[in-house]
């Protein structure tokens, strides 16, 4: 789903009294940390939108050779999780525009952030959204998983 269609849907859901949560990330190689983050985010409201960085953004953020999977496949995988209601692919490095357009009640990030380090915190606060940190406090890292895989298959 694109940002404009997601914004229209979020507006209808808000009008129906639904509490909207937005989580976002690259989700380049889905792991248990992502699942726990999204499950925690879903518990914060009635509807969970997941913003997924597009391919060019992932490449800028994560470097050469990333993403491992194209955005359409990553969106399909993330969308298959029972906690996720809607997936929105966006091209920017941060989800500021997505936050502004969807106007969620809560903007959730994983435990690799603090409320003060969330890149979209100013955009969330500007619309009156709560910034929440959720998920498994254990460090789960796509970067570390990729390193292990590369080492094992040398």
C-alpha atoms as a PDB file:
ATOM      1  CA  UNK A   1       0.000   0.000   0.000  1.00  0.00           C
ATOM      2  CA  UNK A   2       1.266   3.500  -0.722  1.00  0.00           C
ATOM      3  CA  UNK A   3       1.267   6.395   1.753  1.00  0.00           C
ATOM      4  CA  UNK A   4      -1.745   8.227   0.317  1.00  0.00           C
ATOM      5  CA  UNK A   5      -4.010   5.158   0.355  1.00  0.00           C
ATOM      6  CA  UNK A   6      -2.793   4.312   3.856  1.00  0.00           C
ATOM      7  CA  UNK A   7      -3.580   7.867   5.001  1.00  0.00           C
ATOM      8  CA  UNK A   8      -7.141   7.596   3.667  1.00  0.00           C
ATOM      9  CA  UNK A   9      -7.615   4.239   5.379  1.00  0.00           C
ATOM     10  CA  UNK A  10      -6.182   5.559   8.658  1.00  0.00           C
ATOM     11  CA  UNK A  11      -8.573   8.517   8.510  1.00  0.00           C
ATOM     12  CA  UNK A  12     -11.565   6.161   8.140  1.00  0.00           C
ATOM     13  CA  UNK A  13     -10.328   3.949  10.970  1.00  0.00           C
ATOM     14  CA  UNK A  14      -9.778   6.955  13.235  1.00  0.00           C
ATOM     15  CA  UNK A  15     -13.317   8.154  12.444  1.00  0.00           C
ATOM     16  CA  UNK A  16     -14.549   4.709  13.554  1.00  0.00           C
ATOM     17  CA  UNK A  17     -12.825   5.210  16.911  1.00  0.00           C
ATOM     18  CA  UNK A  18      -9.888   2.876  16.263  1.00  0.00           C
ATOM     19  CA  UNK A  19      -6.554   3.492  17.998  1.00  0.00           C
ATOM     20  CA  UNK A  20      -3.879   3.455  15.289  1.00  0.00           C
ATOM     21  CA  UNK A  21      -0.307   2.334  15.848  1.00  0.00           C
ATOM     22  CA  UNK A  22       2.519   2.830  13.364  1.00  0.00           C
ATOM     23  CA  UNK A  23       5.764   0.854  13.525  1.00  0.00           C
ATOM     24  CA  UNK A  24       8.478   1.103  10.888  1.00  0.00           C
ATOM     25  CA  UNK A  25      11.769  -0.354   9.759  1.00  0.00           C
ATOM     26  CA  UNK A  26      13.724  -1.998   6.962  1.00  0.00           C
ATOM     27  CA  UNK A  27      12.783  -5.601   7.869  1.00  0.00           C
ATOM     28  CA  UNK A  28      15.516  -6.790   5.529  1.00  0.00           C
ATOM     29  CA  UNK A  29      15.895 -10.229   7.111  1.00  0.00           C
ATOM     30  CA  UNK A  30      13.006 -10.962   9.417  1.00  0.00           C
ATOM     31  CA  UNK A  31      14.032 -12.375  12.809  1.00  0.00           C
ATOM     32  CA  UNK A  32      12.433 -12.966  16.199  1.00  0.00           C
ATOM     33  CA  UNK A  33      13.321  -9.452  17.360  1.00  0.00           C
ATOM     34  CA  UNK A  34      11.159  -8.023  14.573  1.00  0.00           C
ATOM     35  CA  UNK A  35       8.277 -10.348  15.445  1.00  0.00           C
ATOM     36  CA  UNK A  36       8.386  -9.373  19.116  1.00  0.00           C
ATOM     37  CA  UNK A  37       8.629  -5.667  18.227  1.00  0.00           C
ATOM     38  CA  UNK A  38       5.567  -5.861  15.967  1.00  0.00           C
ATOM     39  CA  UNK A  39       3.580  -7.967  18.432  1.00  0.00           C
ATOM     40  CA  UNK A  40       4.329  -5.423  21.157  1.00  0.00           C
ATOM     41  CA  UNK A  41       3.357  -2.571  18.863  1.00  0.00           C
ATOM     42  CA  UNK A  42       0.055  -4.269  18.011  1.00  0.00           C
ATOM     43  CA  UNK A  43      -0.848  -4.500  21.702  1.00  0.00           C
ATOM     44  CA  UNK A  44      -0.693  -0.682  21.894  1.00  0.00           C
ATOM     45  CA  UNK A  45      -3.785  -0.168  19.740  1.00  0.00           C
ATOM     46  CA  UNK A  46      -6.525  -1.553  17.535  1.00  0.00           C
ATOM     47  CA  UNK A  47      -4.824  -1.376  14.127  1.00  0.00           C
ATOM     48  CA  UNK A  48      -1.132  -1.785  13.290  1.00  0.00           C
ATOM     49  CA  UNK A  49       0.327  -0.149  10.219  1.00  0.00           C
ATOM     50  CA  UNK A  50       3.916  -1.119   9.443  1.00  0.00           C
ATOM     51  CA  UNK A  51       6.022   1.279   7.424  1.00  0.00           C
ATOM     52  CA  UNK A  52       8.655  -0.561   5.417  1.00  0.00           C
ATOM     53  CA  UNK A  53      11.622   1.286   3.899  1.00  0.00           C
ATOM     54  CA  UNK A  54      11.809   0.912   0.128  1.00  0.00           C
ATOM     55  CA  UNK A  55      14.829  -0.609  -1.584  1.00  0.00           C
ATOM     56  CA  UNK A  56      16.731   2.627  -2.251  1.00  0.00           C
ATOM     57  CA  UNK A  57      16.311   3.728   1.374  1.00  0.00           C
ATOM     58  CA  UNK A  58      17.534   0.363   2.692  1.00  0.00           C
ATOM     59  CA  UNK A  59      20.579   0.589   0.436  1.00  0.00           C
ATOM     60  CA  UNK A  60      21.338   4.105   1.704  1.00  0.00           C
ATOM     61  CA  UNK A  61      20.811   3.105   5.337  1.00  0.00           C
ATOM     62  CA  UNK A  62      22.415  -0.341   5.366  1.00  0.00           C
ATOM     63  CA  UNK A  63      25.002  -0.168   2.604  1.00  0.00           C
ATOM     64  CA  UNK A  64      25.998  -2.039  -0.518  1.00  0.00           C
ATOM     65  CA  UNK A  65      24.394  -5.433  -1.006  1.00  0.00           C
ATOM     66  CA  UNK A  66      21.248  -4.491   0.891  1.00  0.00           C
ATOM     67  CA  UNK A  67      18.387  -5.031   0.853  1.00  0.00           C
ATOM     68  CA  UNK A  68      18.640  -8.784   0.697  1.00  0.00           C
ATOM     69  CA  UNK A  69      15.049  -9.021  -0.568  1.00  0.00           C
ATOM     70  CA  UNK A  70      13.092  -6.498  -2.646  1.00  0.00           C
ATOM     71  CA  UNK A  71      10.484  -4.345  -0.893  1.00  0.00           C
ATOM     72  CA  UNK A  72       7.533  -6.243  -2.378  1.00  0.00           C
ATOM     73  CA  UNK A  73       8.770  -9.530  -0.895  1.00  0.00           C
ATOM     74  CA  UNK A  74       9.660  -7.959   2.462  1.00  0.00           C
ATOM     75  CA  UNK A  75       6.179  -6.376   2.578  1.00  0.00           C
ATOM     76  CA  UNK A  76       4.531  -9.718   1.824  1.00  0.00           C
ATOM     77  CA  UNK A  77       6.475 -11.461   4.597  1.00  0.00           C
ATOM     78  CA  UNK A  78       5.818  -8.734   7.187  1.00  0.00           C
ATOM     79  CA  UNK A  79       2.169  -8.569   6.141  1.00  0.00           C
ATOM     80  CA  UNK A  80       1.785 -12.294   6.800  1.00  0.00           C
ATOM     81  CA  UNK A  81       2.463 -11.805  10.515  1.00  0.00           C
ATOM     82  CA  UNK A  82      -0.762 -11.985  12.528  1.00  0.00           C
ATOM     83  CA  UNK A  83       0.093  -8.799  14.446  1.00  0.00           C
ATOM     84  CA  UNK A  84       0.256  -6.715  11.255  1.00  0.00           C
ATOM     85  CA  UNK A  85      -2.862  -5.208   9.718  1.00  0.00           C
ATOM     86  CA  UNK A  86      -1.397  -3.075   6.909  1.00  0.00           C
ATOM     87  CA  UNK A  87       2.040  -2.591   5.317  1.00  0.00           C
ATOM     88  CA  UNK A  88       3.053   0.710   3.726  1.00  0.00           C
ATOM     89  CA  UNK A  89       6.228   0.969   1.637  1.00  0.00           C
ATOM     90  CA  UNK A  90       7.918   4.374   1.765  1.00  0.00           C
ATOM     91  CA  UNK A  91      11.017   5.695   0.021  1.00  0.00           C
ATOM     92  CA  UNK A  92      12.480   8.064   2.599  1.00  0.00           C
ATOM     93  CA  UNK A  93      15.188   7.109   5.101  1.00  0.00           C
ATOM     94  CA  UNK A  94      12.948   8.022   8.050  1.00  0.00           C
ATOM     95  CA  UNK A  95       9.197   7.674   8.461  1.00  0.00           C
ATOM     96  CA  UNK A  96       8.553  11.359   9.236  1.00  0.00           C
ATOM     97  CA  UNK A  97       6.259  11.860   6.233  1.00  0.00           C
ATOM     98  CA  UNK A  98       4.481   8.578   6.978  1.00  0.00           C
ATOM     99  CA  UNK A  99       3.874   9.660  10.587  1.00  0.00           C
ATOM    100  CA  UNK A 100       2.576  13.037   9.425  1.00  0.00           C
ATOM    101  CA  UNK A 101       0.238  11.541   6.812  1.00  0.00           C
ATOM    102  CA  UNK A 102      -1.115   8.585   8.854  1.00  0.00           C
ATOM    103  CA  UNK A 103      -1.424  10.551  12.111  1.00  0.00           C
ATOM    104  CA  UNK A 104      -1.202   7.470  14.358  1.00  0.00           C
ATOM    105  CA  UNK A 105      -2.078   7.632  18.028  1.00  0.00           C
ATOM    106  CA  UNK A 106       1.182   5.777  18.761  1.00  0.00           C
ATOM    107  CA  UNK A 107       4.467   5.603  16.889  1.00  0.00           C
ATOM    108  CA  UNK A 108       6.253   2.457  18.085  1.00  0.00           C
ATOM    109  CA  UNK A 109       9.921   1.596  17.727  1.00  0.00           C
ATOM    110  CA  UNK A 110      11.974  -1.370  18.856  1.00  0.00           C
ATOM    111  CA  UNK A 111      14.183  -1.661  21.896  1.00  0.00           C
ATOM    112  CA  UNK A 112      17.275  -0.616  19.968  1.00  0.00           C
ATOM    113  CA  UNK A 113      15.873   2.928  20.470  1.00  0.00           C
ATOM    114  CA  UNK A 114      14.965   5.114  23.407  1.00  0.00           C
ATOM    115  CA  UNK A 115      12.058   7.552  23.248  1.00  0.00           C
ATOM    116  CA  UNK A 116      14.584  10.364  22.753  1.00  0.00           C
ATOM    117  CA  UNK A 117      16.519   8.606  19.968  1.00  0.00           C
ATOM    118  CA  UNK A 118      13.562   7.734  17.709  1.00  0.00           C
ATOM    119  CA  UNK A 119      14.265   9.524  14.400  1.00  0.00           C
ATOM    120  CA  UNK A 120      10.572  10.370  13.932  1.00  0.00           C
ATOM    121  CA  UNK A 121      10.010  11.648  17.491  1.00  0.00           C
ATOM    122  CA  UNK A 122       9.563  15.303  16.451  1.00  0.00           C
ATOM    123  CA  UNK A 123       7.035  14.394  13.747  1.00  0.00           C
ATOM    124  CA  UNK A 124       5.140  12.150  16.181  1.00  0.00           C
ATOM    125  CA  UNK A 125       5.057  14.766  18.916  1.00  0.00           C
ATOM    126  CA  UNK A 126       3.995  17.468  16.433  1.00  0.00           C
ATOM    127  CA  UNK A 127       0.781  15.532  15.736  1.00  0.00           C
ATOM    128  CA  UNK A 128       0.259  14.598  19.396  1.00  0.00           C
ATOM    129  CA  UNK A 129       1.225  10.946  18.969  1.00  0.00           C
ATOM    130  CA  UNK A 130       2.760   8.956  21.771  1.00  0.00           C
ATOM    131  CA  UNK A 131       6.249   7.538  21.086  1.00  0.00           C
ATOM    132  CA  UNK A 132       6.526   4.021  22.525  1.00  0.00           C
ATOM    133  CA  UNK A 133       9.389   1.552  22.746  1.00  0.00           C
ATOM    134  CA  UNK A 134       8.318  -2.073  22.536  1.00  0.00           C
ATOM    135  CA  UNK A 135       9.664  -5.533  21.876  1.00  0.00           C
ATOM    136  CA  UNK A 136      12.294  -7.835  23.258  1.00  0.00           C
ATOM    137  CA  UNK A 137      15.073  -6.062  25.180  1.00  0.00           C
ATOM    138  CA  UNK A 138      17.531  -8.751  24.035  1.00  0.00           C
ATOM    139  CA  UNK A 139      19.677  -7.498  21.175  1.00  0.00           C
ATOM    140  CA  UNK A 140      18.561  -9.017  17.878  1.00  0.00           C
ATOM    141  CA  UNK A 141      20.493  -7.742  14.892  1.00  0.00           C
ATOM    142  CA  UNK A 142      20.024  -8.376  11.195  1.00  0.00           C
ATOM    143  CA  UNK A 143      23.621  -7.229  10.713  1.00  0.00           C
ATOM    144  CA  UNK A 144      24.846  -9.900  13.153  1.00  0.00           C
ATOM    145  CA  UNK A 145      22.724 -12.599  11.468  1.00  0.00           C
ATOM    146  CA  UNK A 146      24.159 -11.695   8.070  1.00  0.00           C
ATOM    147  CA  UNK A 147      27.699 -11.872   9.481  1.00  0.00           C
ATOM    148  CA  UNK A 148      27.030 -15.351  10.929  1.00  0.00           C
ATOM    149  CA  UNK A 149      25.556 -16.569   7.637  1.00  0.00           C
ATOM    150  CA  UNK A 150      28.479 -15.195   5.628  1.00  0.00           C
ATOM    151  CA  UNK A 151      30.994 -16.796   8.011  1.00  0.00           C
ATOM    152  CA  UNK A 152      29.285 -20.189   7.901  1.00  0.00           C
ATOM    153  CA  UNK A 153      29.106 -20.264   4.104  1.00  0.00           C
ATOM    154  CA  UNK A 154      32.624 -19.082   3.277  1.00  0.00           C
END
